[in-house]
Amino acid sequence: MKHFTAVIERDGDTGLYVGWVPGFAGAHSQGATLDELQANLQEVVEMLLEEGDPHLESVFVGTQTVEVA
């Protein structure tokens, strides 16, 4: 079983959850709920993996808070 980290945001205009796997070209989707997004991302990643193991262009490390005056 393979594991990938997805970045999730909520679109302010549509209210949809949007997710993508950093560095994995084409691994992105959206959904009205987090569960729907999870299922959609899983489906996309499974389809992309049918073409073979991905060459990830980057690897998710984490997040940082940036403070400005």
PDB file of N, CA and C in Angstrom:
ATOM      1  N   MET A   1       0.847  -1.175   0.000  1.00  0.00           N
ATOM      2  CA  MET A   1       0.000   0.000   0.000  1.00  0.00           C
ATOM      3  C   MET A   1       0.894   1.239   0.000  1.00  0.00           C
ATOM      4  N   LYS A   2       0.576   2.209  -0.851  1.00  0.00           N
ATOM      5  CA  LYS A   2       1.341   3.445  -0.950  1.00  0.00           C
ATOM      6  C   LYS A   2       0.580   4.566  -0.261  1.00  0.00           C
ATOM      7  N   HIS A   3       1.330   5.496   0.291  1.00  0.00           N
ATOM      8  CA  HIS A   3       0.728   6.637   0.981  1.00  0.00           C
ATOM      9  C   HIS A   3       1.258   7.927   0.362  1.00  0.00           C
ATOM     10  N   PHE A   4       0.364   8.871   0.135  1.00  0.00           N
ATOM     11  CA  PHE A   4       0.721  10.176  -0.396  1.00  0.00           C
ATOM     12  C   PHE A   4       0.078  11.238   0.491  1.00  0.00           C
ATOM     13  N   THR A   5       0.761  12.351   0.669  1.00  0.00           N
ATOM     14  CA  THR A   5       0.222  13.464   1.446  1.00  0.00           C
ATOM     15  C   THR A   5      -0.418  14.457   0.495  1.00  0.00           C
ATOM     16  N   ALA A   6      -1.656  14.827   0.789  1.00  0.00           N
ATOM     17  CA  ALA A   6      -2.372  15.802  -0.029  1.00  0.00           C
ATOM     18  C   ALA A   6      -2.508  17.110   0.743  1.00  0.00           C
ATOM     19  N   VAL A   7      -2.439  18.207   0.018  1.00  0.00           N
ATOM     20  CA  VAL A   7      -2.696  19.535   0.566  1.00  0.00           C
ATOM     21  C   VAL A   7      -4.159  19.847   0.286  1.00  0.00           C
ATOM     22  N   ILE A   8      -4.871  20.322   1.305  1.00  0.00           N
ATOM     23  CA  ILE A   8      -6.307  20.577   1.174  1.00  0.00           C
ATOM     24  C   ILE A   8      -6.581  22.054   1.475  1.00  0.00           C
ATOM     25  N   GLU A   9      -7.382  22.675   0.621  1.00  0.00           N
ATOM     26  CA  GLU A   9      -7.852  24.040   0.834  1.00  0.00           C
ATOM     27  C   GLU A   9      -9.351  24.078   0.575  1.00  0.00           C
ATOM     28  N   ARG A  10      -9.989  25.106   1.089  1.00  0.00           N
ATOM     29  CA  ARG A  10     -11.400  25.302   0.775  1.00  0.00           C
ATOM     30  C   ARG A  10     -11.513  26.555  -0.082  1.00  0.00           C
ATOM     31  N   ASP A  11     -12.121  26.413  -1.246  1.00  0.00           N
ATOM     32  CA  ASP A  11     -12.271  27.528  -2.166  1.00  0.00           C
ATOM     33  C   ASP A  11     -13.297  28.516  -1.609  1.00  0.00           C
ATOM     34  N   GLY A  12     -12.891  29.771  -1.476  1.00  0.00           N
ATOM     35  CA  GLY A  12     -13.769  30.785  -0.909  1.00  0.00           C
ATOM     36  C   GLY A  12     -14.952  31.131  -1.780  1.00  0.00           C
ATOM     37  N   ASP A  13     -14.831  30.970  -3.085  1.00  0.00           N
ATOM     38  CA  ASP A  13     -15.922  31.306  -4.001  1.00  0.00           C
ATOM     39  C   ASP A  13     -16.955  30.188  -4.103  1.00  0.00           C
ATOM     40  N   THR A  14     -16.481  28.948  -4.211  1.00  0.00           N
ATOM     41  CA  THR A  14     -17.406  27.826  -4.442  1.00  0.00           C
ATOM     42  C   THR A  14     -17.725  27.047  -3.170  1.00  0.00           C
ATOM     43  N   GLY A  15     -16.870  27.170  -2.148  1.00  0.00           N
ATOM     44  CA  GLY A  15     -17.056  26.387  -0.933  1.00  0.00           C
ATOM     45  C   GLY A  15     -16.571  24.955  -1.064  1.00  0.00           C
ATOM     46  N   LEU A  16     -16.046  24.584  -2.238  1.00  0.00           N
ATOM     47  CA  LEU A  16     -15.564  23.224  -2.451  1.00  0.00           C
ATOM     48  C   LEU A  16     -14.202  23.029  -1.804  1.00  0.00           C
ATOM     49  N   TYR A  17     -13.945  21.805  -1.376  1.00  0.00           N
ATOM     50  CA  TYR A  17     -12.623  21.429  -0.903  1.00  0.00           C
ATOM     51  C   TYR A  17     -11.787  21.049  -2.129  1.00  0.00           C
ATOM     52  N   VAL A  18     -10.572  21.559  -2.183  1.00  0.00           N
ATOM     53  CA  VAL A  18      -9.677  21.306  -3.299  1.00  0.00           C
ATOM     54  C   VAL A  18      -8.419  20.667  -2.735  1.00  0.00           C
ATOM     55  N   GLY A  19      -7.967  19.583  -3.349  1.00  0.00           N
ATOM     56  CA  GLY A  19      -6.786  18.899  -2.852  1.00  0.00           C
ATOM     57  C   GLY A  19      -5.854  18.486  -3.975  1.00  0.00           C
ATOM     58  N   TRP A  20      -4.564  18.442  -3.637  1.00  0.00           N
ATOM     59  CA  TRP A  20      -3.563  17.982  -4.597  1.00  0.00           C
ATOM     60  C   TRP A  20      -2.403  17.358  -3.851  1.00  0.00           C
ATOM     61  N   VAL A  21      -1.711  16.471  -4.539  1.00  0.00           N
ATOM     62  CA  VAL A  21      -0.523  15.827  -3.998  1.00  0.00           C
ATOM     63  C   VAL A  21       0.684  16.579  -4.552  1.00  0.00           C
ATOM     64  N   PRO A  22       1.440  17.274  -3.678  1.00  0.00           N
ATOM     65  CA  PRO A  22       2.582  18.051  -4.158  1.00  0.00           C
ATOM     66  C   PRO A  22       3.567  17.197  -4.950  1.00  0.00           C
ATOM     67  N   GLY A  23       3.971  17.713  -6.100  1.00  0.00           N
ATOM     68  CA  GLY A  23       4.968  17.050  -6.920  1.00  0.00           C
ATOM     69  C   GLY A  23       4.459  15.923  -7.784  1.00  0.00           C
ATOM     70  N   PHE A  24       3.186  15.561  -7.666  1.00  0.00           N
ATOM     71  CA  PHE A  24       2.611  14.443  -8.404  1.00  0.00           C
ATOM     72  C   PHE A  24       1.698  15.030  -9.487  1.00  0.00           C
ATOM     73  N   ALA A  25       2.240  15.194 -10.679  1.00  0.00           N
ATOM     74  CA  ALA A  25       1.499  15.817 -11.776  1.00  0.00           C
ATOM     75  C   ALA A  25       0.168  15.123 -12.017  1.00  0.00           C
ATOM     76  N   GLY A  26      -0.896  15.907 -12.058  1.00  0.00           N
ATOM     77  CA  GLY A  26      -2.233  15.380 -12.330  1.00  0.00           C
ATOM     78  C   GLY A  26      -2.987  14.895 -11.115  1.00  0.00           C
ATOM     79  N   ALA A  27      -2.334  14.816  -9.956  1.00  0.00           N
ATOM     80  CA  ALA A  27      -2.983  14.288  -8.745  1.00  0.00           C
ATOM     81  C   ALA A  27      -3.668  15.422  -8.000  1.00  0.00           C
ATOM     82  N   HIS A  28      -4.844  15.803  -8.510  1.00  0.00           N
ATOM     83  CA  HIS A  28      -5.627  16.862  -7.880  1.00  0.00           C
ATOM     84  C   HIS A  28      -7.107  16.601  -8.127  1.00  0.00           C
ATOM     85  N   SER A  29      -7.937  17.108  -7.204  1.00  0.00           N
ATOM     86  CA  SER A  29      -9.373  16.917  -7.350  1.00  0.00           C
ATOM     87  C   SER A  29     -10.086  17.893  -6.432  1.00  0.00           C
ATOM     88  N   GLN A  30     -11.411  17.779  -6.385  1.00  0.00           N
ATOM     89  CA  GLN A  30     -12.220  18.613  -5.508  1.00  0.00           C
ATOM     90  C   GLN A  30     -13.433  17.821  -5.046  1.00  0.00           C
ATOM     91  N   GLY A  31     -14.099  18.341  -4.016  1.00  0.00           N
ATOM     92  CA  GLY A  31     -15.298  17.683  -3.510  1.00  0.00           C
ATOM     93  C   GLY A  31     -16.077  18.612  -2.606  1.00  0.00           C
ATOM     94  N   ALA A  32     -17.367  18.346  -2.477  1.00  0.00           N
ATOM     95  CA  ALA A  32     -18.239  19.165  -1.630  1.00  0.00           C
ATOM     96  C   ALA A  32     -17.990  18.904  -0.151  1.00  0.00           C
ATOM     97  N   THR A  33     -17.485  17.712   0.179  1.00  0.00           N
ATOM     98  CA  THR A  33     -17.163  17.352   1.560  1.00  0.00           C
ATOM     99  C   THR A  33     -15.752  16.784   1.581  1.00  0.00           C
ATOM    100  N   LEU A  34     -15.176  16.714   2.778  1.00  0.00           N
ATOM    101  CA  LEU A  34     -13.846  16.119   2.890  1.00  0.00           C
ATOM    102  C   LEU A  34     -13.866  14.645   2.505  1.00  0.00           C
ATOM    103  N   ASP A  35     -14.939  13.944   2.838  1.00  0.00           N
ATOM    104  CA  ASP A  35     -15.048  12.537   2.445  1.00  0.00           C
ATOM    105  C   ASP A  35     -15.111  12.380   0.928  1.00  0.00           C
ATOM    106  N   GLU A  36     -15.874  13.259   0.276  1.00  0.00           N
ATOM    107  CA  GLU A  36     -15.964  13.207  -1.182  1.00  0.00           C
ATOM    108  C   GLU A  36     -14.609  13.531  -1.811  1.00  0.00           C
ATOM    109  N   LEU A  37     -13.920  14.523  -1.275  1.00  0.00           N
ATOM    110  CA  LEU A  37     -12.601  14.862  -1.787  1.00  0.00           C
ATOM    111  C   LEU A  37     -11.647  13.691  -1.618  1.00  0.00           C
ATOM    112  N   GLN A  38     -11.664  13.048  -0.457  1.00  0.00           N
ATOM    113  CA  GLN A  38     -10.793  11.895  -0.207  1.00  0.00           C
ATOM    114  C   GLN A  38     -11.038  10.795  -1.241  1.00  0.00           C
ATOM    115  N   ALA A  39     -12.298  10.498  -1.495  1.00  0.00           N
ATOM    116  CA  ALA A  39     -12.635   9.458  -2.473  1.00  0.00           C
ATOM    117  C   ALA A  39     -12.182   9.868  -3.875  1.00  0.00           C
ATOM    118  N   ASN A  40     -12.379  11.128  -4.222  1.00  0.00           N
ATOM    119  CA  ASN A  40     -11.974  11.609  -5.543  1.00  0.00           C
ATOM    120  C   ASN A  40     -10.462  11.573  -5.715  1.00  0.00           C
ATOM    121  N   LEU A  41      -9.723  12.007  -4.682  1.00  0.00           N
ATOM    122  CA  LEU A  41      -8.264  11.961  -4.754  1.00  0.00           C
ATOM    123  C   LEU A  41      -7.763  10.523  -4.863  1.00  0.00           C
ATOM    124  N   GLN A  42      -8.369   9.629  -4.098  1.00  0.00           N
ATOM    125  CA  GLN A  42      -7.966   8.227  -4.153  1.00  0.00           C
ATOM    126  C   GLN A  42      -8.168   7.666  -5.566  1.00  0.00           C
ATOM    127  N   GLU A  43      -9.292   7.990  -6.168  1.00  0.00           N
ATOM    128  CA  GLU A  43      -9.575   7.509  -7.523  1.00  0.00           C
ATOM    129  C   GLU A  43      -8.548   8.057  -8.526  1.00  0.00           C
ATOM    130  N   VAL A  44      -8.244   9.343  -8.426  1.00  0.00           N
ATOM    131  CA  VAL A  44      -7.281   9.954  -9.352  1.00  0.00           C
ATOM    132  C   VAL A  44      -5.899   9.332  -9.185  1.00  0.00           C
ATOM    133  N   VAL A  45      -5.454   9.180  -7.941  1.00  0.00           N
ATOM    134  CA  VAL A  45      -4.129   8.610  -7.695  1.00  0.00           C
ATOM    135  C   VAL A  45      -4.069   7.171  -8.192  1.00  0.00           C
ATOM    136  N   GLU A  46      -5.108   6.388  -7.945  1.00  0.00           N
ATOM    137  CA  GLU A  46      -5.135   5.010  -8.436  1.00  0.00           C
ATOM    138  C   GLU A  46      -5.027   4.970  -9.957  1.00  0.00           C
ATOM    139  N   MET A  47      -5.730   5.871 -10.629  1.00  0.00           N
ATOM    140  CA  MET A  47      -5.659   5.909 -12.096  1.00  0.00           C
ATOM    141  C   MET A  47      -4.253   6.293 -12.559  1.00  0.00           C
ATOM    142  N   LEU A  48      -3.650   7.277 -11.907  1.00  0.00           N
ATOM    143  CA  LEU A  48      -2.300   7.700 -12.291  1.00  0.00           C
ATOM    144  C   LEU A  48      -1.276   6.597 -12.043  1.00  0.00           C
ATOM    145  N   LEU A  49      -1.463   5.813 -10.983  1.00  0.00           N
ATOM    146  CA  LEU A  49      -0.523   4.738 -10.668  1.00  0.00           C
ATOM    147  C   LEU A  49      -0.601   3.584 -11.658  1.00  0.00           C
ATOM    148  N   GLU A  50      -1.700   3.498 -12.409  1.00  0.00           N
ATOM    149  CA  GLU A  50      -1.805   2.465 -13.441  1.00  0.00           C
ATOM    150  C   GLU A  50      -0.722   2.650 -14.502  1.00  0.00           C
ATOM    151  N   GLU A  51      -0.227   3.881 -14.632  1.00  0.00           N
ATOM    152  CA  GLU A  51       0.825   4.184 -15.610  1.00  0.00           C
ATOM    153  C   GLU A  51       2.214   3.888 -15.045  1.00  0.00           C
ATOM    154  N   GLY A  52       2.281   3.434 -13.799  1.00  0.00           N
ATOM    155  CA  GLY A  52       3.556   3.133 -13.161  1.00  0.00           C
ATOM    156  C   GLY A  52       3.809   4.061 -11.985  1.00  0.00           C
ATOM    157  N   ASP A  53       4.867   3.767 -11.238  1.00  0.00           N
ATOM    158  CA  ASP A  53       5.206   4.591 -10.082  1.00  0.00           C
ATOM    159  C   ASP A  53       5.564   6.002 -10.530  1.00  0.00           C
ATOM    160  N   PRO A  54       5.079   6.997  -9.805  1.00  0.00           N
ATOM    161  CA  PRO A  54       5.352   8.374 -10.206  1.00  0.00           C
ATOM    162  C   PRO A  54       6.772   8.796  -9.848  1.00  0.00           C
ATOM    163  N   HIS A  55       7.291   9.723 -10.628  1.00  0.00           N
ATOM    164  CA  HIS A  55       8.534  10.399 -10.269  1.00  0.00           C
ATOM    165  C   HIS A  55       8.092  11.714  -9.646  1.00  0.00           C
ATOM    166  N   LEU A  56       8.073  11.769  -8.308  1.00  0.00           N
ATOM    167  CA  LEU A  56       7.608  12.962  -7.626  1.00  0.00           C
ATOM    168  C   LEU A  56       8.606  14.090  -7.808  1.00  0.00           C
ATOM    169  N   GLU A  57       8.098  15.238  -8.257  1.00  0.00           N
ATOM    170  CA  GLU A  57       8.943  16.397  -8.494  1.00  0.00           C
ATOM    171  C   GLU A  57       9.294  17.114  -7.196  1.00  0.00           C
ATOM    172  N   SER A  58       8.510  16.896  -6.149  1.00  0.00           N
ATOM    173  CA  SER A  58       8.777  17.464  -4.835  1.00  0.00           C
ATOM    174  C   SER A  58       8.118  16.567  -3.795  1.00  0.00           C
ATOM    175  N   VAL A  59       8.465  16.780  -2.547  1.00  0.00           N
ATOM    176  CA  VAL A  59       7.909  16.002  -1.446  1.00  0.00           C
ATOM    177  C   VAL A  59       7.375  16.969  -0.403  1.00  0.00           C
ATOM    178  N   PHE A  60       6.139  16.760   0.042  1.00  0.00           N
ATOM    179  CA  PHE A  60       5.544  17.625   1.055  1.00  0.00           C
ATOM    180  C   PHE A  60       6.349  17.535   2.334  1.00  0.00           C
ATOM    181  N   VAL A  61       6.676  18.703   2.902  1.00  0.00           N
ATOM    182  CA  VAL A  61       7.465  18.749   4.137  1.00  0.00           C
ATOM    183  C   VAL A  61       6.612  19.197   5.304  1.00  0.00           C
ATOM    184  N   GLY A  62       5.811  20.236   5.133  1.00  0.00           N
ATOM    185  CA  GLY A  62       4.996  20.738   6.229  1.00  0.00           C
ATOM    186  C   GLY A  62       4.490  22.129   5.915  1.00  0.00           C
ATOM    187  N   THR A  63       4.029  22.795   6.947  1.00  0.00           N
ATOM    188  CA  THR A  63       3.542  24.161   6.792  1.00  0.00           C
ATOM    189  C   THR A  63       4.282  25.076   7.759  1.00  0.00           C
ATOM    190  N   GLN A  64       4.259  26.357   7.484  1.00  0.00           N
ATOM    191  CA  GLN A  64       4.860  27.351   8.360  1.00  0.00           C
ATOM    192  C   GLN A  64       3.912  28.527   8.474  1.00  0.00           C
ATOM    193  N   THR A  65       3.956  29.189   9.623  1.00  0.00           N
ATOM    194  CA  THR A  65       3.220  30.428   9.811  1.00  0.00           C
ATOM    195  C   THR A  65       4.168  31.588   9.555  1.00  0.00           C
ATOM    196  N   VAL A  66       3.750  32.509   8.727  1.00  0.00           N
ATOM    197  CA  VAL A  66       4.568  33.664   8.392  1.00  0.00           C
ATOM    198  C   VAL A  66       3.919  34.887   9.024  1.00  0.00           C
ATOM    199  N   GLU A  67       4.657  35.607   9.844  1.00  0.00           N
ATOM    200  CA  GLU A  67       4.135  36.791  10.532  1.00  0.00           C
ATOM    201  C   GLU A  67       4.706  38.042   9.872  1.00  0.00           C
ATOM    202  N   VAL A  68       3.816  38.955   9.519  1.00  0.00           N
ATOM    203  CA  VAL A  68       4.250  40.223   8.956  1.00  0.00           C
ATOM    204  C   VAL A  68       3.613  41.362   9.741  1.00  0.00           C
ATOM    205  N   ALA A  69       4.269  42.510   9.719  1.00  0.00           N
ATOM    206  CA  ALA A  69       3.772  43.664  10.483  1.00  0.00           C
ATOM    207  C   ALA A  69       2.597  44.305   9.783  1.00  0.00           C
TER     208      ALA A  69
END
